PDB file of N, CA and C in Angstrom:
ATOM      1  N   MET A   1     -11.404  -3.205  -6.149  1.00  0.00           N
ATOM      2  CA  MET A   1     -10.234  -2.874  -6.946  1.00  0.00           C
ATOM      3  C   MET A   1     -10.301  -3.577  -8.183  1.00  0.00           C
ATOM      4  N   LEU A   2     -10.463  -2.785  -9.121  1.00  0.00           N
ATOM      5  CA  LEU A   2     -10.770  -3.170 -10.442  1.00  0.00           C
ATOM      6  C   LEU A   2      -9.262  -4.082 -11.186  1.00  0.00           C
ATOM      7  N   TYR A   3      -8.455  -3.339 -10.736  1.00  0.00           N
ATOM      8  CA  TYR A   3      -7.237  -3.891 -11.505  1.00  0.00           C
ATOM      9  C   TYR A   3      -6.264  -4.396 -10.537  1.00  0.00           C
ATOM     10  N   SER A   4      -6.601  -4.966  -9.773  1.00  0.00           N
ATOM     11  CA  SER A   4      -5.723  -5.554  -8.438  1.00  0.00           C
ATOM     12  C   SER A   4      -6.160  -6.909  -7.880  1.00  0.00           C
ATOM     13  N   LYS A   5      -5.408  -7.607  -7.187  1.00  0.00           N
ATOM     14  CA  LYS A   5      -5.462  -8.979  -6.478  1.00  0.00           C
ATOM     15  C   LYS A   5      -4.993  -8.542  -5.016  1.00  0.00           C
ATOM     16  N   SER A   6      -5.324  -9.256  -4.181  1.00  0.00           N
ATOM     17  CA  SER A   6      -4.682  -9.430  -2.934  1.00  0.00           C
ATOM     18  C   SER A   6      -3.410 -10.188  -3.046  1.00  0.00           C
ATOM     19  N   LEU A   7      -2.806  -9.990  -2.112  1.00  0.00           N
ATOM     20  CA  LEU A   7      -1.613 -10.527  -1.473  1.00  0.00           C
ATOM     21  C   LEU A   7      -1.976 -11.416  -0.094  1.00  0.00           C
ATOM     22  N   LYS A   8      -1.447 -12.749  -0.135  1.00  0.00           N
ATOM     23  CA  LYS A   8      -2.313 -13.349   0.873  1.00  0.00           C
ATOM     24  C   LYS A   8      -1.060 -14.281   1.254  1.00  0.00           C
ATOM     25  N   LEU A   9      -0.011 -14.735   0.370  1.00  0.00           N
ATOM     26  CA  LEU A   9       0.924 -15.835   0.940  1.00  0.00           C
ATOM     27  C   LEU A   9       2.130 -15.296   1.410  1.00  0.00           C
ATOM     28  N   ASN A  10       2.554 -16.091   2.458  1.00  0.00           N
ATOM     29  CA  ASN A  10       3.636 -15.599   3.534  1.00  0.00           C
ATOM     30  C   ASN A  10       4.830 -15.455   2.634  1.00  0.00           C
ATOM     31  N   HIS A  11       5.331 -16.525   1.867  1.00  0.00           N
ATOM     32  CA  HIS A  11       6.584 -16.174   1.242  1.00  0.00           C
ATOM     33  C   HIS A  11       6.718 -14.853  -0.061  1.00  0.00           C
ATOM     34  N   VAL A  12       5.334 -14.605  -0.364  1.00  0.00           N
ATOM     35  CA  VAL A  12       5.491 -13.566  -1.276  1.00  0.00           C
ATOM     36  C   VAL A  12       5.589 -12.031  -0.386  1.00  0.00           C
ATOM     37  N   PHE A  13       5.081 -11.993   0.830  1.00  0.00           N
ATOM     38  CA  PHE A  13       5.362 -11.061   1.949  1.00  0.00           C
ATOM     39  C   PHE A  13       6.886 -10.830   2.140  1.00  0.00           C
ATOM     40  N   ARG A  14       7.346 -12.244   2.518  1.00  0.00           N
ATOM     41  CA  ARG A  14       9.009 -12.153   2.885  1.00  0.00           C
ATOM     42  C   ARG A  14       9.671 -11.717   1.648  1.00  0.00           C
ATOM     43  N   ARG A  15       9.441 -12.222   0.531  1.00  0.00           N
ATOM     44  CA  ARG A  15      10.023 -11.965  -0.735  1.00  0.00           C
ATOM     45  C   ARG A  15      10.323 -10.135  -0.748  1.00  0.00           C
ATOM     46  N   LEU A  16       9.019  -9.919  -0.715  1.00  0.00           N
ATOM     47  CA  LEU A  16       9.033  -8.476  -0.741  1.00  0.00           C
ATOM     48  C   LEU A  16       9.704  -7.610   0.234  1.00  0.00           C
ATOM     49  N   TYR A  17       9.801  -8.021   1.737  1.00  0.00           N
ATOM     50  CA  TYR A  17      10.581  -7.356   2.522  1.00  0.00           C
ATOM     51  C   TYR A  17      12.050  -7.442   2.366  1.00  0.00           C
ATOM     52  N   HIS A  18      12.264  -8.639   1.878  1.00  0.00           N
ATOM     53  CA  HIS A  18      14.048  -8.891   1.901  1.00  0.00           C
ATOM     54  C   HIS A  18      14.595  -8.495   0.235  1.00  0.00           C
ATOM     55  N   LYS A  19      13.671  -8.369  -0.960  1.00  0.00           N
ATOM     56  CA  LYS A  19      14.115  -8.121  -2.062  1.00  0.00           C
ATOM     57  C   LYS A  19      13.599  -6.746  -2.864  1.00  0.00           C
ATOM     58  N   GLY A  20      12.589  -6.501  -2.168  1.00  0.00           N
ATOM     59  CA  GLY A  20      11.857  -5.237  -2.607  1.00  0.00           C
ATOM     60  C   GLY A  20      12.290  -3.914  -2.189  1.00  0.00           C
ATOM     61  N   HIS A  21      11.942  -2.869  -2.732  1.00  0.00           N
ATOM     62  CA  HIS A  21      12.337  -1.575  -2.473  1.00  0.00           C
ATOM     63  C   HIS A  21      11.007  -1.152  -1.096  1.00  0.00           C
ATOM     64  N   SER A  22      11.748  -0.143  -0.566  1.00  0.00           N
ATOM     65  CA  SER A  22      10.957   0.526   0.637  1.00  0.00           C
ATOM     66  C   SER A  22      11.053   1.810   0.938  1.00  0.00           C
ATOM     67  N   ALA A  23      10.048   2.471   1.335  1.00  0.00           N
ATOM     68  CA  ALA A  23       9.947   3.851   1.838  1.00  0.00           C
ATOM     69  C   ALA A  23       9.222   3.906   3.110  1.00  0.00           C
ATOM     70  N   ALA A  24       9.411   4.673   4.050  1.00  0.00           N
ATOM     71  CA  ALA A  24       8.813   4.771   5.260  1.00  0.00           C
ATOM     72  C   ALA A  24       8.331   6.362   5.651  1.00  0.00           C
ATOM     73  N   GLY A  25       7.097   6.242   6.025  1.00  0.00           N
ATOM     74  CA  GLY A  25       6.402   7.532   6.391  1.00  0.00           C
ATOM     75  C   GLY A  25       6.346   7.529   7.809  1.00  0.00           C
ATOM     76  N   ARG A  26       5.550   8.552   8.250  1.00  0.00           N
ATOM     77  CA  ARG A  26       5.179   8.574   9.763  1.00  0.00           C
ATOM     78  C   ARG A  26       4.622   7.512  10.208  1.00  0.00           C
ATOM     79  N   SER A  27       3.409   7.311   9.422  1.00  0.00           N
ATOM     80  CA  SER A  27       2.287   6.331   9.491  1.00  0.00           C
ATOM     81  C   SER A  27       2.202   5.105   9.076  1.00  0.00           C
ATOM     82  N   ILE A  28       2.953   4.975   7.809  1.00  0.00           N
ATOM     83  CA  ILE A  28       3.130   3.555   7.154  1.00  0.00           C
ATOM     84  C   ILE A  28       4.524   3.555   6.427  1.00  0.00           C
ATOM     85  N   VAL A  29       4.726   2.249   6.364  1.00  0.00           N
ATOM     86  CA  VAL A  29       5.865   2.273   5.489  1.00  0.00           C
ATOM     87  C   VAL A  29       5.501   1.038   4.161  1.00  0.00           C
ATOM     88  N   LEU A  30       5.822   1.540   2.898  1.00  0.00           N
ATOM     89  CA  LEU A  30       5.488   0.781   1.714  1.00  0.00           C
ATOM     90  C   LEU A  30       6.865  -0.032   1.174  1.00  0.00           C
ATOM     91  N   TYR A  31       6.017  -1.248   1.034  1.00  0.00           N
ATOM     92  CA  TYR A  31       7.313  -1.950   0.107  1.00  0.00           C
ATOM     93  C   TYR A  31       6.764  -2.413  -1.234  1.00  0.00           C
ATOM     94  N   CYS A  32       7.700  -2.302  -2.236  1.00  0.00           N
ATOM     95  CA  CYS A  32       7.192  -2.509  -3.688  1.00  0.00           C
ATOM     96  C   CYS A  32       8.093  -3.508  -4.308  1.00  0.00           C
ATOM     97  N   ARG A  33       7.750  -4.417  -5.427  1.00  0.00           N
ATOM     98  CA  ARG A  33       8.449  -4.918  -6.308  1.00  0.00           C
ATOM     99  C   ARG A  33       8.014  -5.208  -7.490  1.00  0.00           C
ATOM    100  N   LYS A  34       8.597  -5.241  -8.540  1.00  0.00           N
ATOM    101  CA  LYS A  34       7.704  -5.707  -9.824  1.00  0.00           C
ATOM    102  C   LYS A  34       7.387  -7.060  -9.900  1.00  0.00           C
ATOM    103  N   ASN A  35       6.270  -7.280 -10.446  1.00  0.00           N
ATOM    104  CA  ASN A  35       5.688  -8.756 -10.420  1.00  0.00           C
ATOM    105  C   ASN A  35       5.768  -9.497 -11.788  1.00  0.00           C
ATOM    106  N   GLY A  36       5.754  -8.527 -12.953  1.00  0.00           N
ATOM    107  CA  GLY A  36       5.765  -9.289 -13.953  1.00  0.00           C
ATOM    108  C   GLY A  36       4.266  -9.447 -14.791  1.00  0.00           C
ATOM    109  N   SER A  37       3.286  -9.078 -14.122  1.00  0.00           N
ATOM    110  CA  SER A  37       2.044  -9.291 -14.686  1.00  0.00           C
ATOM    111  C   SER A  37       1.507  -7.829 -14.953  1.00  0.00           C
ATOM    112  N   ALA A  38       0.125  -7.576 -15.426  1.00  0.00           N
ATOM    113  CA  ALA A  38      -0.522  -6.389 -15.961  1.00  0.00           C
ATOM    114  C   ALA A  38      -1.296  -6.123 -15.011  1.00  0.00           C
ATOM    115  N   GLU A  39      -1.122  -6.712 -13.453  1.00  0.00           N
ATOM    116  CA  GLU A  39      -2.144  -5.811 -12.679  1.00  0.00           C
ATOM    117  C   GLU A  39      -1.233  -5.782 -11.111  1.00  0.00           C
ATOM    118  N   ASN A  40      -1.627  -5.218 -10.484  1.00  0.00           N
ATOM    119  CA  ASN A  40      -0.732  -5.018  -9.026  1.00  0.00           C
ATOM    120  C   ASN A  40      -1.659  -5.904  -7.822  1.00  0.00           C
ATOM    121  N   ARG A  41      -0.855  -6.286  -7.045  1.00  0.00           N
ATOM    122  CA  ARG A  41      -1.176  -7.102  -5.977  1.00  0.00           C
ATOM    123  C   ARG A  41      -1.015  -6.358  -4.752  1.00  0.00           C
ATOM    124  N   ILE A  42      -1.890  -6.097  -3.903  1.00  0.00           N
ATOM    125  CA  ILE A  42      -1.928  -5.168  -2.589  1.00  0.00           C
ATOM    126  C   ILE A  42      -1.939  -6.222  -1.547  1.00  0.00           C
ATOM    127  N   GLY A  43      -1.112  -5.873  -0.265  1.00  0.00           N
ATOM    128  CA  GLY A  43      -1.274  -6.682   0.941  1.00  0.00           C
ATOM    129  C   GLY A  43      -1.238  -5.604   1.771  1.00  0.00           C
ATOM    130  N   LEU A  44      -1.485  -5.980   3.018  1.00  0.00           N
ATOM    131  CA  LEU A  44      -1.752  -4.948   3.965  1.00  0.00           C
ATOM    132  C   LEU A  44      -1.373  -5.831   5.420  1.00  0.00           C
ATOM    133  N   THR A  45      -0.493  -4.988   6.259  1.00  0.00           N
ATOM    134  CA  THR A  45       0.008  -5.651   7.397  1.00  0.00           C
ATOM    135  C   THR A  45      -0.226  -4.856   8.632  1.00  0.00           C
ATOM    136  N   VAL A  46      -1.290  -5.113   9.485  1.00  0.00           N
ATOM    137  CA  VAL A  46      -1.573  -4.434  10.616  1.00  0.00           C
ATOM    138  C   VAL A  46      -1.203  -5.280  11.833  1.00  0.00           C
ATOM    139  N   SER A  47      -0.304  -5.144  12.475  1.00  0.00           N
ATOM    140  CA  SER A  47      -0.171  -5.985  13.688  1.00  0.00           C
ATOM    141  C   SER A  47      -0.978  -5.684  14.719  1.00  0.00           C
ATOM    142  N   ALA A  48      -1.182  -6.821  15.763  1.00  0.00           N
ATOM    143  CA  ALA A  48      -1.835  -7.184  16.739  1.00  0.00           C
ATOM    144  C   ALA A  48      -1.249  -5.997  18.033  1.00  0.00           C
ATOM    145  N   LYS A  49      -0.135  -5.805  17.798  1.00  0.00           N
ATOM    146  CA  LYS A  49       0.265  -4.884  18.732  1.00  0.00           C
ATOM    147  C   LYS A  49      -0.345  -3.407  18.753  1.00  0.00           C
ATOM    148  N   LEU A  50      -0.812  -2.937  17.455  1.00  0.00           N
ATOM    149  CA  LEU A  50      -1.476  -1.860  17.257  1.00  0.00           C
ATOM    150  C   LEU A  50      -2.785  -1.566  18.376  1.00  0.00           C
ATOM    151  N   GLY A  51      -3.374  -2.552  18.296  1.00  0.00           N
ATOM    152  CA  GLY A  51      -4.995  -2.405  19.090  1.00  0.00           C
ATOM    153  C   GLY A  51      -5.897  -3.588  19.027  1.00  0.00           C
ATOM    154  N   HIS A  52      -7.017  -3.389  19.552  1.00  0.00           N
ATOM    155  CA  HIS A  52      -7.597  -4.488  19.187  1.00  0.00           C
ATOM    156  C   HIS A  52      -8.443  -4.832  17.811  1.00  0.00           C
ATOM    157  N   ALA A  53      -9.170  -5.707  17.436  1.00  0.00           N
ATOM    158  CA  ALA A  53      -9.724  -5.915  16.271  1.00  0.00           C
ATOM    159  C   ALA A  53     -10.284  -5.073  15.574  1.00  0.00           C
ATOM    160  N   VAL A  54     -11.255  -4.376  16.261  1.00  0.00           N
ATOM    161  CA  VAL A  54     -12.195  -3.346  15.486  1.00  0.00           C
ATOM    162  C   VAL A  54     -11.274  -2.341  15.077  1.00  0.00           C
ATOM    163  N   LYS A  55     -10.194  -1.796  15.812  1.00  0.00           N
ATOM    164  CA  LYS A  55      -9.448  -0.701  15.386  1.00  0.00           C
ATOM    165  C   LYS A  55      -8.717  -1.150  14.222  1.00  0.00           C
ATOM    166  N   ARG A  56      -7.771  -2.183  14.442  1.00  0.00           N
ATOM    167  CA  ARG A  56      -6.981  -2.765  13.077  1.00  0.00           C
ATOM    168  C   ARG A  56      -7.767  -2.870  12.158  1.00  0.00           C
ATOM    169  N   ASN A  57      -9.225  -3.620  11.747  1.00  0.00           N
ATOM    170  CA  ASN A  57      -9.841  -3.738  10.712  1.00  0.00           C
ATOM    171  C   ASN A  57     -10.658  -2.405  10.266  1.00  0.00           C
ATOM    172  N   ARG A  58     -10.568  -1.310  11.209  1.00  0.00           N
ATOM    173  CA  ARG A  58     -10.828  -0.064  10.555  1.00  0.00           C
ATOM    174  C   ARG A  58      -9.663   0.796   9.782  1.00  0.00           C
ATOM    175  N   LEU A  59      -8.555   0.301  10.444  1.00  0.00           N
ATOM    176  CA  LEU A  59      -7.464   0.802   9.496  1.00  0.00           C
ATOM    177  C   LEU A  59      -7.198   0.119   8.393  1.00  0.00           C
ATOM    178  N   ARG A  60      -7.144  -1.258   8.284  1.00  0.00           N
ATOM    179  CA  ARG A  60      -7.118  -1.809   7.013  1.00  0.00           C
ATOM    180  C   ARG A  60      -8.254  -1.230   5.814  1.00  0.00           C
ATOM    181  N   ARG A  61      -9.433  -1.146   6.241  1.00  0.00           N
ATOM    182  CA  ARG A  61     -10.675  -0.567   5.474  1.00  0.00           C
ATOM    183  C   ARG A  61      -9.919   0.606   4.664  1.00  0.00           C
ATOM    184  N   GLN A  62      -9.671   1.528   5.669  1.00  0.00           N
ATOM    185  CA  GLN A  62      -9.207   3.119   5.242  1.00  0.00           C
ATOM    186  C   GLN A  62      -7.850   2.756   4.263  1.00  0.00           C
ATOM    187  N   LEU A  63      -6.978   1.652   4.544  1.00  0.00           N
ATOM    188  CA  LEU A  63      -5.872   1.916   3.626  1.00  0.00           C
ATOM    189  C   LEU A  63      -6.166   1.140   2.169  1.00  0.00           C
ATOM    190  N   ARG A  64      -7.305   0.345   2.253  1.00  0.00           N
ATOM    191  CA  ARG A  64      -7.555  -0.580   1.297  1.00  0.00           C
ATOM    192  C   ARG A  64      -8.457   0.820   0.280  1.00  0.00           C
ATOM    193  N   ALA A  65      -9.254   1.406   1.157  1.00  0.00           N
ATOM    194  CA  ALA A  65     -10.080   2.772   0.381  1.00  0.00           C
ATOM    195  C   ALA A  65      -9.128   3.525  -0.372  1.00  0.00           C
ATOM    196  N   ILE A  66      -8.250   4.110   0.102  1.00  0.00           N
ATOM    197  CA  ILE A  66      -6.943   4.961  -0.197  1.00  0.00           C
ATOM    198  C   ILE A  66      -6.728   4.394  -1.546  1.00  0.00           C
ATOM    199  N   TYR A  67      -6.051   3.165  -1.684  1.00  0.00           N
ATOM    200  CA  TYR A  67      -5.887   2.372  -2.889  1.00  0.00           C
ATOM    201  C   TYR A  67      -6.921   2.713  -3.940  1.00  0.00           C
ATOM    202  N   ARG A  68      -8.129   1.822  -3.426  1.00  0.00           N
ATOM    203  CA  ARG A  68      -9.098   1.667  -4.360  1.00  0.00           C
ATOM    204  C   ARG A  68      -9.550   3.169  -5.233  1.00  0.00           C
ATOM    205  N   LEU A  69      -9.482   4.151  -4.376  1.00  0.00           N
ATOM    206  CA  LEU A  69      -9.966   5.616  -4.722  1.00  0.00           C
ATOM    207  C   LEU A  69      -8.677   6.211  -5.644  1.00  0.00           C
ATOM    208  N   HIS A  70      -7.426   5.683  -5.856  1.00  0.00           N
ATOM    209  CA  HIS A  70      -6.610   6.208  -6.511  1.00  0.00           C
ATOM    210  C   HIS A  70      -5.837   5.263  -7.268  1.00  0.00           C
ATOM    211  N   GLU A  71      -6.471   3.997  -7.398  1.00  0.00           N
ATOM    212  CA  GLU A  71      -6.194   2.747  -8.577  1.00  0.00           C
ATOM    213  C   GLU A  71      -5.513   3.408  -9.740  1.00  0.00           C
ATOM    214  N   ASN A  72      -6.315   4.144 -10.125  1.00  0.00           N
ATOM    215  CA  ASN A  72      -5.904   4.517 -11.606  1.00  0.00           C
ATOM    216  C   ASN A  72      -4.809   5.373 -11.928  1.00  0.00           C
ATOM    217  N   GLU A  73      -4.269   5.897 -10.669  1.00  0.00           N
ATOM    218  CA  GLU A  73      -3.110   6.725 -10.638  1.00  0.00           C
ATOM    219  C   GLU A  73      -1.655   5.845 -10.752  1.00  0.00           C
ATOM    220  N   PHE A  74      -1.919   4.772 -10.431  1.00  0.00           N
ATOM    221  CA  PHE A  74      -0.954   3.709  -9.900  1.00  0.00           C
ATOM    222  C   PHE A  74      -0.571   2.912 -11.119  1.00  0.00           C
ATOM    223  N   ALA A  75       0.940   2.845 -11.412  1.00  0.00           N
ATOM    224  CA  ALA A  75       1.310   2.007 -12.448  1.00  0.00           C
ATOM    225  C   ALA A  75       1.239   0.632 -12.347  1.00  0.00           C
ATOM    226  N   ALA A  76       0.790  -0.357 -13.522  1.00  0.00           N
ATOM    227  CA  ALA A  76       0.325  -1.664 -13.431  1.00  0.00           C
ATOM    228  C   ALA A  76       1.771  -2.602 -13.133  1.00  0.00           C
ATOM    229  N   GLY A  77       1.623  -3.836 -12.591  1.00  0.00           N
ATOM    230  CA  GLY A  77       2.711  -4.583 -12.438  1.00  0.00           C
ATOM    231  C   GLY A  77       3.580  -4.565 -11.432  1.00  0.00           C
ATOM    232  N   TRP A  78       2.930  -4.499 -10.087  1.00  0.00           N
ATOM    233  CA  TRP A  78       3.621  -4.073  -9.025  1.00  0.00           C
ATOM    234  C   TRP A  78       3.052  -4.943  -7.858  1.00  0.00           C
ATOM    235  N   ASP A  79       3.764  -5.611  -7.149  1.00  0.00           N
ATOM    236  CA  ASP A  79       3.633  -5.987  -6.060  1.00  0.00           C
ATOM    237  C   ASP A  79       3.638  -5.058  -4.786  1.00  0.00           C
ATOM    238  N   ILE A  80       2.494  -4.439  -3.923  1.00  0.00           N
ATOM    239  CA  ILE A  80       2.856  -3.564  -3.103  1.00  0.00           C
ATOM    240  C   ILE A  80       2.316  -4.042  -1.469  1.00  0.00           C
ATOM    241  N   VAL A  81       3.142  -3.820  -0.540  1.00  0.00           N
ATOM    242  CA  VAL A  81       2.621  -4.125   0.698  1.00  0.00           C
ATOM    243  C   VAL A  81       2.737  -2.970   1.517  1.00  0.00           C
ATOM    244  N   VAL A  82       1.733  -2.562   2.572  1.00  0.00           N
ATOM    245  CA  VAL A  82       1.413  -1.635   3.185  1.00  0.00           C
ATOM    246  C   VAL A  82       1.474  -2.138   4.511  1.00  0.00           C
ATOM    247  N   VAL A  83       2.684  -1.540   5.411  1.00  0.00           N
ATOM    248  CA  VAL A  83       2.961  -1.918   6.899  1.00  0.00           C
ATOM    249  C   VAL A  83       2.262  -0.760   7.607  1.00  0.00           C
ATOM    250  N   ALA A  84       1.361  -0.881   8.382  1.00  0.00           N
ATOM    251  CA  ALA A  84       0.844  -0.014   9.427  1.00  0.00           C
ATOM    252  C   ALA A  84       1.880   0.293  10.476  1.00  0.00           C
ATOM    253  N   ARG A  85       1.936   1.462  10.992  1.00  0.00           N
ATOM    254  CA  ARG A  85       3.045   1.872  12.129  1.00  0.00           C
ATOM    255  C   ARG A  85       2.026   2.002  13.134  1.00  0.00           C
ATOM    256  N   THR A  86       2.691   2.364  14.368  1.00  0.00           N
ATOM    257  CA  THR A  86       1.907   2.672  15.600  1.00  0.00           C
ATOM    258  C   THR A  86       1.107   4.065  15.438  1.00  0.00           C
ATOM    259  N   ARG A  87       1.683   4.720  14.912  1.00  0.00           N
ATOM    260  CA  ARG A  87       1.021   6.207  14.693  1.00  0.00           C
ATOM    261  C   ARG A  87      -0.410   6.397  13.640  1.00  0.00           C
ATOM    262  N   ALA A  88      -0.439   5.087  12.569  1.00  0.00           N
ATOM    263  CA  ALA A  88      -1.340   4.858  12.075  1.00  0.00           C
ATOM    264  C   ALA A  88      -2.432   4.805  12.754  1.00  0.00           C
ATOM    265  N   MET A  89      -2.862   4.434  13.844  1.00  0.00           N
ATOM    266  CA  MET A  89      -4.007   4.142  14.648  1.00  0.00           C
ATOM    267  C   MET A  89      -4.713   5.402  15.142  1.00  0.00           C
ATOM    268  N   GLN A  90      -3.725   6.547  15.318  1.00  0.00           N
ATOM    269  CA  GLN A  90      -4.419   7.704  15.572  1.00  0.00           C
ATOM    270  C   GLN A  90      -4.552   8.833  14.498  1.00  0.00           C
ATOM    271  N   ALA A  91      -3.846   8.340  13.026  1.00  0.00           N
ATOM    272  CA  ALA A  91      -3.818   9.404  12.467  1.00  0.00           C
ATOM    273  C   ALA A  91      -5.112   9.675  11.570  1.00  0.00           C
ATOM    274  N   PRO A  92      -5.467  10.853  11.191  1.00  0.00           N
ATOM    275  CA  PRO A  92      -6.788  11.168  10.514  1.00  0.00           C
ATOM    276  C   PRO A  92      -6.515  10.457   9.077  1.00  0.00           C
ATOM    277  N   TYR A  93      -7.591  10.149   8.283  1.00  0.00           N
ATOM    278  CA  TYR A  93      -7.719   9.738   6.872  1.00  0.00           C
ATOM    279  C   TYR A  93      -6.563  10.497   6.186  1.00  0.00           C
ATOM    280  N   GLN A  94      -7.282  11.609   5.968  1.00  0.00           N
ATOM    281  CA  GLN A  94      -6.060  12.559   5.366  1.00  0.00           C
ATOM    282  C   GLN A  94      -4.496  12.478   5.429  1.00  0.00           C
ATOM    283  N   GLU A  95      -4.266  12.462   6.728  1.00  0.00           N
ATOM    284  CA  GLU A  95      -2.782  12.017   6.624  1.00  0.00           C
ATOM    285  C   GLU A  95      -2.428  10.794   6.301  1.00  0.00           C
ATOM    286  N   LEU A  96      -2.930   9.724   6.374  1.00  0.00           N
ATOM    287  CA  LEU A  96      -2.800   8.321   5.900  1.00  0.00           C
ATOM    288  C   LEU A  96      -2.736   8.473   4.496  1.00  0.00           C
ATOM    289  N   GLU A  97      -3.705   9.064   3.706  1.00  0.00           N
ATOM    290  CA  GLU A  97      -3.883   9.245   2.321  1.00  0.00           C
ATOM    291  C   GLU A  97      -2.773  10.060   1.740  1.00  0.00           C
ATOM    292  N   ARG A  98      -2.109  11.360   2.468  1.00  0.00           N
ATOM    293  CA  ARG A  98      -1.183  12.028   2.117  1.00  0.00           C
ATOM    294  C   ARG A  98       0.224  11.039   2.259  1.00  0.00           C
ATOM    295  N   ASP A  99       0.129  10.303   3.022  1.00  0.00           N
ATOM    296  CA  ASP A  99       1.529   9.201   3.375  1.00  0.00           C
ATOM    297  C   ASP A  99       1.624   8.201   2.410  1.00  0.00           C
ATOM    298  N   TYR A 100       0.486   7.810   1.997  1.00  0.00           N
ATOM    299  CA  TYR A 100       0.449   6.787   1.093  1.00  0.00           C
ATOM    300  C   TYR A 100       0.630   7.078  -0.408  1.00  0.00           C
ATOM    301  N   LEU A 101       0.071   8.321  -0.682  1.00  0.00           N
ATOM    302  CA  LEU A 101       0.618   8.887  -2.002  1.00  0.00           C
ATOM    303  C   LEU A 101       1.920   9.533  -2.195  1.00  0.00           C
ATOM    304  N   HIS A 102       2.305   9.832  -1.084  1.00  0.00           N
ATOM    305  CA  HIS A 102       3.822  10.191  -1.057  1.00  0.00           C
ATOM    306  C   HIS A 102       4.825   9.319  -1.249  1.00  0.00           C
ATOM    307  N   LEU A 103       4.619   8.278  -0.518  1.00  0.00           N
ATOM    308  CA  LEU A 103       5.542   7.171  -0.504  1.00  0.00           C
ATOM    309  C   LEU A 103       5.549   6.349  -1.819  1.00  0.00           C
ATOM    310  N   ALA A 104       4.046   6.404  -2.303  1.00  0.00           N
ATOM    311  CA  ALA A 104       3.861   5.667  -3.650  1.00  0.00           C
ATOM    312  C   ALA A 104       4.642   6.469  -4.833  1.00  0.00           C
ATOM    313  N   GLY A 105       4.750   7.793  -4.709  1.00  0.00           N
ATOM    314  CA  GLY A 105       5.474   8.519  -5.677  1.00  0.00           C
ATOM    315  C   GLY A 105       6.946   8.691  -5.560  1.00  0.00           C
ATOM    316  N   LYS A 106       7.352   8.362  -4.272  1.00  0.00           N
ATOM    317  CA  LYS A 106       8.767   8.075  -4.035  1.00  0.00           C
ATOM    318  C   LYS A 106       9.576   6.957  -4.500  1.00  0.00           C
ATOM    319  N   LEU A 107       8.474   6.027  -4.486  1.00  0.00           N
ATOM    320  CA  LEU A 107       9.041   4.500  -5.324  1.00  0.00           C
ATOM    321  C   LEU A 107       8.659   4.374  -6.713  1.00  0.00           C
ATOM    322  N   GLY A 108       7.993   5.288  -7.041  1.00  0.00           N
ATOM    323  CA  GLY A 108       7.942   5.545  -8.700  1.00  0.00           C
ATOM    324  C   GLY A 108       6.618   4.367  -9.079  1.00  0.00           C
ATOM    325  N   LEU A 109       5.636   4.516  -7.928  1.00  0.00           N
ATOM    326  CA  LEU A 109       4.387   3.599  -8.274  1.00  0.00           C
ATOM    327  C   LEU A 109       3.524   4.344  -8.983  1.00  0.00           C
ATOM    328  N   LEU A 110       3.591   5.714  -8.946  1.00  0.00           N
ATOM    329  CA  LEU A 110       2.461   6.618  -9.708  1.00  0.00           C
ATOM    330  C   LEU A 110       2.846   6.520 -11.168  1.00  0.00           C
ATOM    331  N   ARG A 111       1.976   6.696 -12.246  1.00  0.00           N
ATOM    332  CA  ARG A 111       2.151   6.987 -13.060  1.00  0.00           C
ATOM    333  C   ARG A 111       2.162   8.371 -13.391  1.00  0.00           C
ATOM    334  N   SER A 112       2.866   8.893 -14.660  1.00  0.00           N
ATOM    335  CA  SER A 112       3.279  10.216 -14.903  1.00  0.00           C
ATOM    336  C   SER A 112       1.852  10.857 -15.480  1.00  0.00           C
ATOM    337  N   SER A 113       1.545  12.016 -15.053  1.00  0.00           N
ATOM    338  CA  SER A 113       0.363  12.765 -15.694  1.00  0.00           C
ATOM    339  C   SER A 113      -0.204  12.513 -16.858  1.00  0.00           C
ATOM    340  N   ASP A 114       0.866  12.433 -18.022  1.00  0.00           N
ATOM    341  CA  ASP A 114       0.318  11.994 -19.543  1.00  0.00           C
ATOM    342  C   ASP A 114      -0.120  10.706 -19.702  1.00  0.00           C
ATOM    343  N   GLU A 115       0.698   9.773 -18.717  1.00  0.00           N
ATOM    344  CA  GLU A 115       0.350   8.299 -19.028  1.00  0.00           C
ATOM    345  C   GLU A 115      -1.289   8.417 -18.213  1.00  0.00           C
ATOM    346  N   ALA A 116      -1.681   8.843 -17.201  1.00  0.00           N
ATOM    347  CA  ALA A 116      -2.695   8.580 -16.300  1.00  0.00           C
ATOM    348  C   ALA A 116      -3.902   9.232 -17.200  1.00  0.00           C
ATOM    349  N   SER A 117      -3.720  10.013 -18.336  1.00  0.00           N
ATOM    350  CA  SER A 117      -4.976  10.604 -18.826  1.00  0.00           C
ATOM    351  C   SER A 117      -5.489   9.719 -19.955  1.00  0.00           C
ATOM    352  N   VAL A 118      -4.630   8.734 -20.550  1.00  0.00           N
ATOM    353  CA  VAL A 118      -4.788   7.782 -21.486  1.00  0.00           C
ATOM    354  C   VAL A 118      -5.863   6.796 -21.166  1.00  0.00           C
TER     355      VAL A 118
END
């Protein structure tokens, strides 16, 4: 992730949940809030209820890869938290990617096509 950092602090996650905007899809929920900096901060939440560590880590890797591959499409200056739902464990990669990008567009996290080309 070239233009991003990881979110790791609990109080930042809680602030996002309470004061941020959210959009829910079939397999993931996206929370976002402006952070006032020039880069995005990304956090992932995959509950232990969803499966064993190997399965949870695989899902985390997939979600990180989706962001990394589409990073240049995202506008800068956002805190983003991705929360995996139960359905995400069985969802194919293409469905996760489609949900992720659809929710990001719904929340206004994606740059317009003329901004992305600059």
